[in-house]
PDB file of N, CA and C in Angstrom:
ATOM      1  N   MET A   1    -113.199 -65.173  56.276  1.00  0.00           N
ATOM      2  CA  MET A   1    -112.305 -64.562  57.235  1.00  0.00           C
ATOM      3  C   MET A   1    -111.193 -65.522  57.587  1.00  0.00           C
ATOM      4  N   GLU A   2    -110.057 -64.983  57.808  1.00  0.00           N
ATOM      5  CA  GLU A   2    -108.935 -65.795  58.240  1.00  0.00           C
ATOM      6  C   GLU A   2    -108.956 -65.920  59.747  1.00  0.00           C
ATOM      7  N   GLN A   3    -108.558 -67.068  60.198  1.00  0.00           N
ATOM      8  CA  GLN A   3    -108.444 -67.248  61.637  1.00  0.00           C
ATOM      9  C   GLN A   3    -107.004 -67.553  61.965  1.00  0.00           C
ATOM     10  N   GLY A   4    -106.649 -67.298  63.178  1.00  0.00           N
ATOM     11  CA  GLY A   4    -105.291 -67.562  63.600  1.00  0.00           C
ATOM     12  C   GLY A   4    -104.498 -66.277  63.674  1.00  0.00           C
ATOM     13  N   GLY A   5    -103.176 -66.408  63.631  1.00  0.00           N
ATOM     14  CA  GLY A   5    -102.298 -65.276  63.815  1.00  0.00           C
ATOM     15  C   GLY A   5    -102.063 -64.456  62.568  1.00  0.00           C
ATOM     16  N   GLY A   6    -102.542 -64.910  61.422  1.00  0.00           N
ATOM     17  CA  GLY A   6    -102.302 -64.181  60.178  1.00  0.00           C
ATOM     18  C   GLY A   6    -103.141 -62.915  60.093  1.00  0.00           C
ATOM     19  N   SER A   7    -102.650 -61.973  59.377  1.00  0.00           N
ATOM     20  CA  SER A   7    -103.414 -60.739  59.198  1.00  0.00           C
ATOM     21  C   SER A   7    -104.053 -60.751  57.814  1.00  0.00           C
ATOM     22  N   SER A   8    -105.264 -60.288  57.752  1.00  0.00           N
ATOM     23  CA  SER A   8    -105.931 -60.229  56.453  1.00  0.00           C
ATOM     24  C   SER A   8    -105.506 -58.946  55.749  1.00  0.00           C
ATOM     25  N   SER A   9    -105.285 -59.058  54.470  1.00  0.00           N
ATOM     26  CA  SER A   9    -104.886 -57.864  53.725  1.00  0.00           C
ATOM     27  C   SER A   9    -106.035 -57.438  52.819  1.00  0.00           C
ATOM     28  N   ILE A  10    -106.483 -56.259  53.050  1.00  0.00           N
ATOM     29  CA  ILE A  10    -107.533 -55.677  52.236  1.00  0.00           C
ATOM     30  C   ILE A  10    -106.891 -54.601  51.381  1.00  0.00           C
ATOM     31  N   GLN A  11    -107.056 -54.740  50.085  1.00  0.00           N
ATOM     32  CA  GLN A  11    -106.490 -53.738  49.197  1.00  0.00           C
ATOM     33  C   GLN A  11    -107.553 -52.700  48.868  1.00  0.00           C
ATOM     34  N   ILE A  12    -107.180 -51.477  49.028  1.00  0.00           N
ATOM     35  CA  ILE A  12    -108.076 -50.374  48.728  1.00  0.00           C
ATOM     36  C   ILE A  12    -107.669 -49.798  47.379  1.00  0.00           C
ATOM     37  N   GLN A  13    -108.633 -49.733  46.483  1.00  0.00           N
ATOM     38  CA  GLN A  13    -108.379 -49.139  45.175  1.00  0.00           C
ATOM     39  C   GLN A  13    -108.464 -47.626  45.324  1.00  0.00           C
ATOM     40  N   ARG A  14    -107.376 -46.965  45.098  1.00  0.00           N
ATOM     41  CA  ARG A  14    -107.357 -45.504  45.214  1.00  0.00           C
ATOM     42  C   ARG A  14    -107.064 -44.888  43.866  1.00  0.00           C
ATOM     43  N   LYS A  15    -107.677 -43.750  43.647  1.00  0.00           N
ATOM     44  CA  LYS A  15    -107.448 -42.981  42.429  1.00  0.00           C
ATOM     45  C   LYS A  15    -106.923 -41.621  42.820  1.00  0.00           C
ATOM     46  N   SER A  16    -105.934 -41.185  42.121  1.00  0.00           N
ATOM     47  CA  SER A  16    -105.419 -39.847  42.350  1.00  0.00           C
ATOM     48  C   SER A  16    -106.509 -38.844  42.007  1.00  0.00           C
ATOM     49  N   SER A  17    -106.601 -37.771  42.781  1.00  0.00           N
ATOM     50  CA  SER A  17    -107.630 -36.768  42.514  1.00  0.00           C
ATOM     51  C   SER A  17    -107.443 -36.127  41.141  1.00  0.00           C
ATOM     52  N   ILE A  18    -106.222 -36.120  40.641  1.00  0.00           N
ATOM     53  CA  ILE A  18    -105.971 -35.529  39.326  1.00  0.00           C
ATOM     54  C   ILE A  18    -106.675 -36.333  38.236  1.00  0.00           C
ATOM     55  N   GLU A  19    -106.875 -37.624  38.467  1.00  0.00           N
ATOM     56  CA  GLU A  19    -107.539 -38.467  37.481  1.00  0.00           C
ATOM     57  C   GLU A  19    -109.028 -38.181  37.381  1.00  0.00           C
ATOM     58  N   THR A  20    -109.604 -37.593  38.415  1.00  0.00           N
ATOM     59  CA  THR A  20    -111.034 -37.291  38.394  1.00  0.00           C
ATOM     60  C   THR A  20    -111.311 -35.880  37.882  1.00  0.00           C
ATOM     61  N   GLU A  21    -110.279 -35.090  37.700  1.00  0.00           N
ATOM     62  CA  GLU A  21    -110.439 -33.727  37.192  1.00  0.00           C
ATOM     63  C   GLU A  21    -110.644 -33.758  35.683  1.00  0.00           C
ATOM     64  N   PRO A  22    -111.370 -32.771  35.148  1.00  0.00           N
ATOM     65  CA  PRO A  22    -111.523 -32.717  33.693  1.00  0.00           C
ATOM     66  C   PRO A  22    -110.181 -32.448  33.016  1.00  0.00           C
ATOM     67  N   ARG A  23    -110.029 -32.965  31.833  1.00  0.00           N
ATOM     68  CA  ARG A  23    -108.778 -32.753  31.100  1.00  0.00           C
ATOM     69  C   ARG A  23    -108.634 -31.285  30.721  1.00  0.00           C
ATOM     70  N   THR A  24    -107.400 -30.826  30.703  1.00  0.00           N
ATOM     71  CA  THR A  24    -107.123 -29.444  30.331  1.00  0.00           C
ATOM     72  C   THR A  24    -106.408 -29.421  28.983  1.00  0.00           C
ATOM     73  N   LEU A  25    -106.250 -28.234  28.454  1.00  0.00           N
ATOM     74  CA  LEU A  25    -105.595 -28.084  27.158  1.00  0.00           C
ATOM     75  C   LEU A  25    -104.085 -28.211  27.294  1.00  0.00           C
ATOM     76  N   ASN A  26    -103.446 -28.769  26.272  1.00  0.00           N
ATOM     77  CA  ASN A  26    -101.985 -28.781  26.271  1.00  0.00           C
ATOM     78  C   ASN A  26    -101.495 -27.437  25.737  1.00  0.00           C
ATOM     79  N   ILE A  27    -100.207 -27.199  25.770  1.00  0.00           N
ATOM     80  CA  ILE A  27     -99.651 -25.892  25.426  1.00  0.00           C
ATOM     81  C   ILE A  27     -99.941 -25.516  23.970  1.00  0.00           C
ATOM     82  N   HIS A  28     -99.948 -26.494  23.066  1.00  0.00           N
ATOM     83  CA  HIS A  28    -100.231 -26.200  21.654  1.00  0.00           C
ATOM     84  C   HIS A  28    -101.690 -25.780  21.470  1.00  0.00           C
ATOM     85  N   GLN A  29    -102.594 -26.433  22.190  1.00  0.00           N
ATOM     86  CA  GLN A  29    -104.005 -26.064  22.111  1.00  0.00           C
ATOM     87  C   GLN A  29    -104.244 -24.674  22.695  1.00  0.00           C
ATOM     88  N   ILE A  30    -103.524 -24.331  23.752  1.00  0.00           N
ATOM     89  CA  ILE A  30    -103.649 -22.999  24.355  1.00  0.00           C
ATOM     90  C   ILE A  30    -103.191 -21.931  23.366  1.00  0.00           C
ATOM     91  N   HIS A  31    -102.034 -22.158  22.729  1.00  0.00           N
ATOM     92  CA  HIS A  31    -101.536 -21.190  21.738  1.00  0.00           C
ATOM     93  C   HIS A  31    -102.512 -21.054  20.571  1.00  0.00           C
ATOM     94  N   PHE A  32    -103.057 -22.171  20.098  1.00  0.00           N
ATOM     95  CA  PHE A  32    -104.015 -22.130  18.998  1.00  0.00           C
ATOM     96  C   PHE A  32    -105.264 -21.348  19.397  1.00  0.00           C
ATOM     97  N   ALA A  33    -105.763 -21.577  20.620  1.00  0.00           N
ATOM     98  CA  ALA A  33    -106.960 -20.870  21.097  1.00  0.00           C
ATOM     99  C   ALA A  33    -106.698 -19.374  21.222  1.00  0.00           C
ATOM    100  N   ARG A  34    -105.524 -18.993  21.711  1.00  0.00           N
ATOM    101  CA  ARG A  34    -105.187 -17.570  21.823  1.00  0.00           C
ATOM    102  C   ARG A  34    -105.094 -16.915  20.451  1.00  0.00           C
ATOM    103  N   GLU A  35    -104.465 -17.614  19.497  1.00  0.00           N
ATOM    104  CA  GLU A  35    -104.370 -17.070  18.139  1.00  0.00           C
ATOM    105  C   GLU A  35    -105.756 -16.903  17.524  1.00  0.00           C
ATOM    106  N   ALA A  36    -106.629 -17.881  17.748  1.00  0.00           N
ATOM    107  CA  ALA A  36    -107.995 -17.796  17.224  1.00  0.00           C
ATOM    108  C   ALA A  36    -108.748 -16.640  17.877  1.00  0.00           C
ATOM    109  N   ALA A  37    -108.551 -16.451  19.186  1.00  0.00           N
ATOM    110  CA  ALA A  37    -109.217 -15.345  19.892  1.00  0.00           C
ATOM    111  C   ALA A  37    -108.726 -14.001  19.367  1.00  0.00           C
ATOM    112  N   LEU A  38    -107.430 -13.873  19.141  1.00  0.00           N
ATOM    113  CA  LEU A  38    -106.892 -12.622  18.601  1.00  0.00           C
ATOM    114  C   LEU A  38    -107.397 -12.368  17.187  1.00  0.00           C
ATOM    115  N   LEU A  39    -107.544 -13.420  16.394  1.00  0.00           N
ATOM    116  CA  LEU A  39    -108.086 -13.284  15.045  1.00  0.00           C
ATOM    117  C   LEU A  39    -109.514 -12.738  15.102  1.00  0.00           C
ATOM    118  N   VAL A  40    -110.314 -13.262  16.023  1.00  0.00           N
ATOM    119  CA  VAL A  40    -111.688 -12.772  16.192  1.00  0.00           C
ATOM    120  C   VAL A  40    -111.674 -11.315  16.633  1.00  0.00           C
ATOM    121  N   LEU A  41    -110.831 -10.984  17.616  1.00  0.00           N
ATOM    122  CA  LEU A  41    -110.776  -9.609  18.123  1.00  0.00           C
ATOM    123  C   LEU A  41    -110.330  -8.614  17.060  1.00  0.00           C
ATOM    124  N   ASN A  42    -109.392  -9.020  16.224  1.00  0.00           N
ATOM    125  CA  ASN A  42    -108.852  -8.109  15.213  1.00  0.00           C
ATOM    126  C   ASN A  42    -109.736  -7.964  13.983  1.00  0.00           C
ATOM    127  N   ASN A  43    -110.622  -8.924  13.726  1.00  0.00           N
ATOM    128  CA  ASN A  43    -111.393  -8.911  12.487  1.00  0.00           C
ATOM    129  C   ASN A  43    -112.892  -8.707  12.669  1.00  0.00           C
ATOM    130  N   MET A  44    -113.354  -8.596  13.883  1.00  0.00           N
ATOM    131  CA  MET A  44    -114.787  -8.433  14.117  1.00  0.00           C
ATOM    132  C   MET A  44    -115.035  -7.265  15.052  1.00  0.00           C
ATOM    133  N   SER A  45    -116.266  -6.795  15.031  1.00  0.00           N
ATOM    134  CA  SER A  45    -116.629  -5.710  15.946  1.00  0.00           C
ATOM    135  C   SER A  45    -116.635  -6.243  17.379  1.00  0.00           C
ATOM    136  N   SER A  46    -116.605  -5.337  18.332  1.00  0.00           N
ATOM    137  CA  SER A  46    -116.611  -5.730  19.743  1.00  0.00           C
ATOM    138  C   SER A  46    -117.843  -6.554  20.087  1.00  0.00           C
ATOM    139  N   GLU A  47    -119.000  -6.134  19.574  1.00  0.00           N
ATOM    140  CA  GLU A  47    -120.239  -6.860  19.871  1.00  0.00           C
ATOM    141  C   GLU A  47    -120.212  -8.273  19.301  1.00  0.00           C
ATOM    142  N   GLU A  48    -119.715  -8.420  18.054  1.00  0.00           N
ATOM    143  CA  GLU A  48    -119.628  -9.750  17.443  1.00  0.00           C
ATOM    144  C   GLU A  48    -118.657 -10.639  18.221  1.00  0.00           C
ATOM    145  N   ALA A  49    -117.525 -10.069  18.631  1.00  0.00           N
ATOM    146  CA  ALA A  49    -116.536 -10.836  19.384  1.00  0.00           C
ATOM    147  C   ALA A  49    -117.105 -11.292  20.726  1.00  0.00           C
ATOM    148  N   ILE A  50    -117.789 -10.395  21.425  1.00  0.00           N
ATOM    149  CA  ILE A  50    -118.387 -10.754  22.713  1.00  0.00           C
ATOM    150  C   ILE A  50    -119.407 -11.867  22.526  1.00  0.00           C
ATOM    151  N   ASN A  51    -120.223 -11.778  21.463  1.00  0.00           N
ATOM    152  CA  ASN A  51    -121.205 -12.829  21.197  1.00  0.00           C
ATOM    153  C   ASN A  51    -120.536 -14.175  20.953  1.00  0.00           C
ATOM    154  N   ILE A  52    -119.424 -14.177  20.222  1.00  0.00           N
ATOM    155  CA  ILE A  52    -118.701 -15.421  19.955  1.00  0.00           C
ATOM    156  C   ILE A  52    -118.126 -15.993  21.245  1.00  0.00           C
ATOM    157  N   PHE A  53    -117.488 -15.149  22.051  1.00  0.00           N
ATOM    158  CA  PHE A  53    -116.827 -15.634  23.258  1.00  0.00           C
ATOM    159  C   PHE A  53    -117.801 -16.047  24.358  1.00  0.00           C
ATOM    160  N   THR A  54    -118.999 -15.489  24.338  1.00  0.00           N
ATOM    161  CA  THR A  54    -119.948 -15.797  25.411  1.00  0.00           C
ATOM    162  C   THR A  54    -121.065 -16.738  24.970  1.00  0.00           C
ATOM    163  N   GLU A  55    -121.031 -17.193  23.729  1.00  0.00           N
ATOM    164  CA  GLU A  55    -122.067 -18.095  23.232  1.00  0.00           C
ATOM    165  C   GLU A  55    -122.087 -19.379  24.061  1.00  0.00           C
ATOM    166  N   GLY A  56    -123.255 -19.734  24.548  1.00  0.00           N
ATOM    167  CA  GLY A  56    -123.410 -20.962  25.322  1.00  0.00           C
ATOM    168  C   GLY A  56    -123.167 -20.808  26.809  1.00  0.00           C
ATOM    169  N   LEU A  57    -122.686 -19.657  27.256  1.00  0.00           N
ATOM    170  CA  LEU A  57    -122.448 -19.456  28.683  1.00  0.00           C
ATOM    171  C   LEU A  57    -123.755 -19.149  29.394  1.00  0.00           C
ATOM    172  N   GLU A  58    -123.845 -19.556  30.651  1.00  0.00           N
ATOM    173  CA  GLU A  58    -125.011 -19.261  31.465  1.00  0.00           C
ATOM    174  C   GLU A  58    -124.572 -18.470  32.685  1.00  0.00           C
ATOM    175  N   SER A  59    -125.411 -17.573  33.123  1.00  0.00           N
ATOM    176  CA  SER A  59    -125.107 -16.748  34.286  1.00  0.00           C
ATOM    177  C   SER A  59    -125.103 -17.605  35.548  1.00  0.00           C
ATOM    178  N   VAL A  60    -124.157 -17.318  36.441  1.00  0.00           N
ATOM    179  CA  VAL A  60    -124.111 -18.014  37.722  1.00  0.00           C
ATOM    180  C   VAL A  60    -124.603 -17.132  38.848  1.00  0.00           C
ATOM    181  N   GLY A  61    -124.994 -15.912  38.547  1.00  0.00           N
ATOM    182  CA  GLY A  61    -125.583 -15.031  39.543  1.00  0.00           C
ATOM    183  C   GLY A  61    -124.602 -14.285  40.417  1.00  0.00           C
ATOM    184  N   SER A  62    -123.313 -14.305  40.100  1.00  0.00           N
ATOM    185  CA  SER A  62    -122.348 -13.617  40.955  1.00  0.00           C
ATOM    186  C   SER A  62    -122.194 -12.149  40.598  1.00  0.00           C
ATOM    187  N   GLY A  63    -122.670 -11.746  39.459  1.00  0.00           N
ATOM    188  CA  GLY A  63    -122.546 -10.352  39.057  1.00  0.00           C
ATOM    189  C   GLY A  63    -123.525 -10.043  37.952  1.00  0.00           C
ATOM    190  N   ASP A  64    -123.742  -8.777  37.692  1.00  0.00           N
ATOM    191  CA  ASP A  64    -124.651  -8.359  36.638  1.00  0.00           C
ATOM    192  C   ASP A  64    -123.849  -7.762  35.498  1.00  0.00           C
ATOM    193  N   MET A  65    -124.174  -8.151  34.270  1.00  0.00           N
ATOM    194  CA  MET A  65    -123.521  -7.563  33.104  1.00  0.00           C
ATOM    195  C   MET A  65    -124.099  -6.179  32.869  1.00  0.00           C
ATOM    196  N   GLN A  66    -123.236  -5.228  32.686  1.00  0.00           N
ATOM    197  CA  GLN A  66    -123.641  -3.858  32.428  1.00  0.00           C
ATOM    198  C   GLN A  66    -123.338  -3.529  30.976  1.00  0.00           C
ATOM    199  N   LYS A  67    -123.842  -2.422  30.500  1.00  0.00           N
ATOM    200  CA  LYS A  67    -123.593  -1.983  29.133  1.00  0.00           C
ATOM    201  C   LYS A  67    -122.088  -1.846  28.919  1.00  0.00           C
ATOM    202  N   GLY A  68    -121.600  -2.354  27.817  1.00  0.00           N
ATOM    203  CA  GLY A  68    -120.179  -2.260  27.513  1.00  0.00           C
ATOM    204  C   GLY A  68    -119.408  -3.498  27.946  1.00  0.00           C
ATOM    205  N   GLY A  69    -120.092  -4.530  28.457  1.00  0.00           N
ATOM    206  CA  GLY A  69    -119.420  -5.766  28.821  1.00  0.00           C
ATOM    207  C   GLY A  69    -118.731  -5.752  30.167  1.00  0.00           C
ATOM    208  N   HIS A  70    -119.019  -4.769  31.012  1.00  0.00           N
ATOM    209  CA  HIS A  70    -118.406  -4.723  32.333  1.00  0.00           C
ATOM    210  C   HIS A  70    -119.226  -5.550  33.312  1.00  0.00           C
ATOM    211  N   VAL A  71    -118.556  -6.133  34.283  1.00  0.00           N
ATOM    212  CA  VAL A  71    -119.230  -6.932  35.301  1.00  0.00           C
ATOM    213  C   VAL A  71    -119.282  -6.133  36.589  1.00  0.00           C
ATOM    214  N   MET A  72    -120.471  -5.999  37.142  1.00  0.00           N
ATOM    215  CA  MET A  72    -120.624  -5.326  38.429  1.00  0.00           C
ATOM    216  C   MET A  72    -120.613  -6.397  39.514  1.00  0.00           C
ATOM    217  N   LEU A  73    -119.676  -6.307  40.428  1.00  0.00           N
ATOM    218  CA  LEU A  73    -119.572  -7.281  41.503  1.00  0.00           C
ATOM    219  C   LEU A  73    -120.612  -7.016  42.569  1.00  0.00           C
ATOM    220  N   ASP A  74    -121.101  -8.095  43.187  1.00  0.00           N
ATOM    221  CA  ASP A  74    -122.016  -7.949  44.309  1.00  0.00           C
ATOM    222  C   ASP A  74    -121.252  -7.401  45.504  1.00  0.00           C
ATOM    223  N   SER A  75    -121.936  -6.658  46.373  1.00  0.00           N
ATOM    224  CA  SER A  75    -121.267  -6.054  47.523  1.00  0.00           C
ATOM    225  C   SER A  75    -120.820  -7.096  48.532  1.00  0.00           C
ATOM    226  N   ASP A  76    -121.458  -8.269  48.549  1.00  0.00           N
ATOM    227  CA  ASP A  76    -121.056  -9.298  49.501  1.00  0.00           C
ATOM    228  C   ASP A  76    -120.052 -10.274  48.900  1.00  0.00           C
ATOM    229  N   ASP A  77    -119.476  -9.916  47.780  1.00  0.00           N
ATOM    230  CA  ASP A  77    -118.469 -10.741  47.137  1.00  0.00           C
ATOM    231  C   ASP A  77    -117.235 -10.825  48.031  1.00  0.00           C
ATOM    232  N   GLU A  78    -116.560 -11.983  48.011  1.00  0.00           N
ATOM    233  CA  GLU A  78    -115.365 -12.162  48.841  1.00  0.00           C
ATOM    234  C   GLU A  78    -114.282 -11.149  48.500  1.00  0.00           C
ATOM    235  N   ASN A  79    -114.175 -10.803  47.241  1.00  0.00           N
ATOM    236  CA  ASN A  79    -113.141  -9.879  46.790  1.00  0.00           C
ATOM    237  C   ASN A  79    -113.713  -8.479  46.678  1.00  0.00           C
ATOM    238  N   ASP A  80    -114.162  -7.916  47.768  1.00  0.00           N
ATOM    239  CA  ASP A  80    -114.750  -6.580  47.753  1.00  0.00           C
ATOM    240  C   ASP A  80    -113.622  -5.568  47.616  1.00  0.00           C
ATOM    241  N   PHE A  81    -113.623  -4.845  46.490  1.00  0.00           N
ATOM    242  CA  PHE A  81    -112.545  -3.916  46.193  1.00  0.00           C
ATOM    243  C   PHE A  81    -112.841  -2.496  46.636  1.00  0.00           C
ATOM    244  N   GLY A  82    -113.953  -2.281  47.262  1.00  0.00           N
ATOM    245  CA  GLY A  82    -114.305  -0.938  47.695  1.00  0.00           C
ATOM    246  C   GLY A  82    -115.291  -0.297  46.748  1.00  0.00           C
ATOM    247  N   ALA A  83    -115.885   0.799  47.174  1.00  0.00           N
ATOM    248  CA  ALA A  83    -116.943   1.448  46.406  1.00  0.00           C
ATOM    249  C   ALA A  83    -116.435   2.028  45.092  1.00  0.00           C
ATOM    250  N   ASP A  84    -115.183   2.487  45.049  1.00  0.00           N
ATOM    251  CA  ASP A  84    -114.662   3.137  43.846  1.00  0.00           C
ATOM    252  C   ASP A  84    -114.314   2.145  42.745  1.00  0.00           C
ATOM    253  N   GLU A  85    -114.031   0.889  43.093  1.00  0.00           N
ATOM    254  CA  GLU A  85    -113.521  -0.066  42.122  1.00  0.00           C
ATOM    255  C   GLU A  85    -114.476  -1.239  41.912  1.00  0.00           C
ATOM    256  N   LYS A  86    -115.751  -0.964  41.784  1.00  0.00           N
ATOM    257  CA  LYS A  86    -116.716  -2.047  41.608  1.00  0.00           C
ATOM    258  C   LYS A  86    -116.756  -2.585  40.187  1.00  0.00           C
ATOM    259  N   THR A  87    -116.279  -1.839  39.212  1.00  0.00           N
ATOM    260  CA  THR A  87    -116.317  -2.293  37.834  1.00  0.00           C
ATOM    261  C   THR A  87    -115.058  -3.093  37.537  1.00  0.00           C
ATOM    262  N   LEU A  88    -115.252  -4.328  37.094  1.00  0.00           N
ATOM    263  CA  LEU A  88    -114.140  -5.210  36.774  1.00  0.00           C
ATOM    264  C   LEU A  88    -114.081  -5.377  35.265  1.00  0.00           C
ATOM    265  N   ILE A  89    -112.990  -4.934  34.650  1.00  0.00           N
ATOM    266  CA  ILE A  89    -112.829  -5.036  33.209  1.00  0.00           C
ATOM    267  C   ILE A  89    -111.857  -6.172  32.930  1.00  0.00           C
ATOM    268  N   ARG A  90    -112.267  -7.102  32.078  1.00  0.00           N
ATOM    269  CA  ARG A  90    -111.418  -8.242  31.756  1.00  0.00           C
ATOM    270  C   ARG A  90    -111.005  -8.180  30.293  1.00  0.00           C
ATOM    271  N   ASP A  91    -109.749  -8.448  30.043  1.00  0.00           N
ATOM    272  CA  ASP A  91    -109.232  -8.485  28.685  1.00  0.00           C
ATOM    273  C   ASP A  91    -109.467  -9.884  28.128  1.00  0.00           C
ATOM    274  N   VAL A  92    -110.260  -9.980  27.078  1.00  0.00           N
ATOM    275  CA  VAL A  92    -110.637 -11.273  26.529  1.00  0.00           C
ATOM    276  C   VAL A  92    -109.427 -12.033  25.999  1.00  0.00           C
ATOM    277  N   ALA A  93    -108.459 -11.335  25.427  1.00  0.00           N
ATOM    278  CA  ALA A  93    -107.304 -11.998  24.820  1.00  0.00           C
ATOM    279  C   ALA A  93    -106.421 -12.683  25.848  1.00  0.00           C
ATOM    280  N   THR A  94    -106.457 -12.255  27.101  1.00  0.00           N
ATOM    281  CA  THR A  94    -105.605 -12.868  28.114  1.00  0.00           C
ATOM    282  C   THR A  94    -106.378 -13.762  29.063  1.00  0.00           C
ATOM    283  N   ALA A  95    -107.666 -13.958  28.809  1.00  0.00           N
ATOM    284  CA  ALA A  95    -108.466 -14.819  29.673  1.00  0.00           C
ATOM    285  C   ALA A  95    -108.038 -16.273  29.484  1.00  0.00           C
ATOM    286  N   PRO A  96    -108.058 -17.055  30.554  1.00  0.00           N
ATOM    287  CA  PRO A  96    -107.687 -18.470  30.416  1.00  0.00           C
ATOM    288  C   PRO A  96    -108.746 -19.231  29.629  1.00  0.00           C
ATOM    289  N   PHE A  97    -108.324 -20.199  28.880  1.00  0.00           N
ATOM    290  CA  PHE A  97    -109.254 -20.990  28.067  1.00  0.00           C
ATOM    291  C   PHE A  97    -109.398 -22.360  28.652  1.00  0.00           C
TER     292      PHE A  97
END
């Protein structure tokens, strides 16, 4: 410890929160992934495409998969769209990668 009138300087090592985030795709990788997804959609059956796109995914319990690939939202979901609009259909080709 320093004594006297001087002030001690403690340096704090700080990291930007962006440095702790996982890396994302660059624009070329995004375009390549979209082209690959469209190739799968155009050349395979719907069931084969869904199997490819969902391989390795695990359920998080926020919704139940219904026949035809539709997701049924839970009634206590933050984004409650009402009784008429419980089925959420997502376009695989425009999903973020």
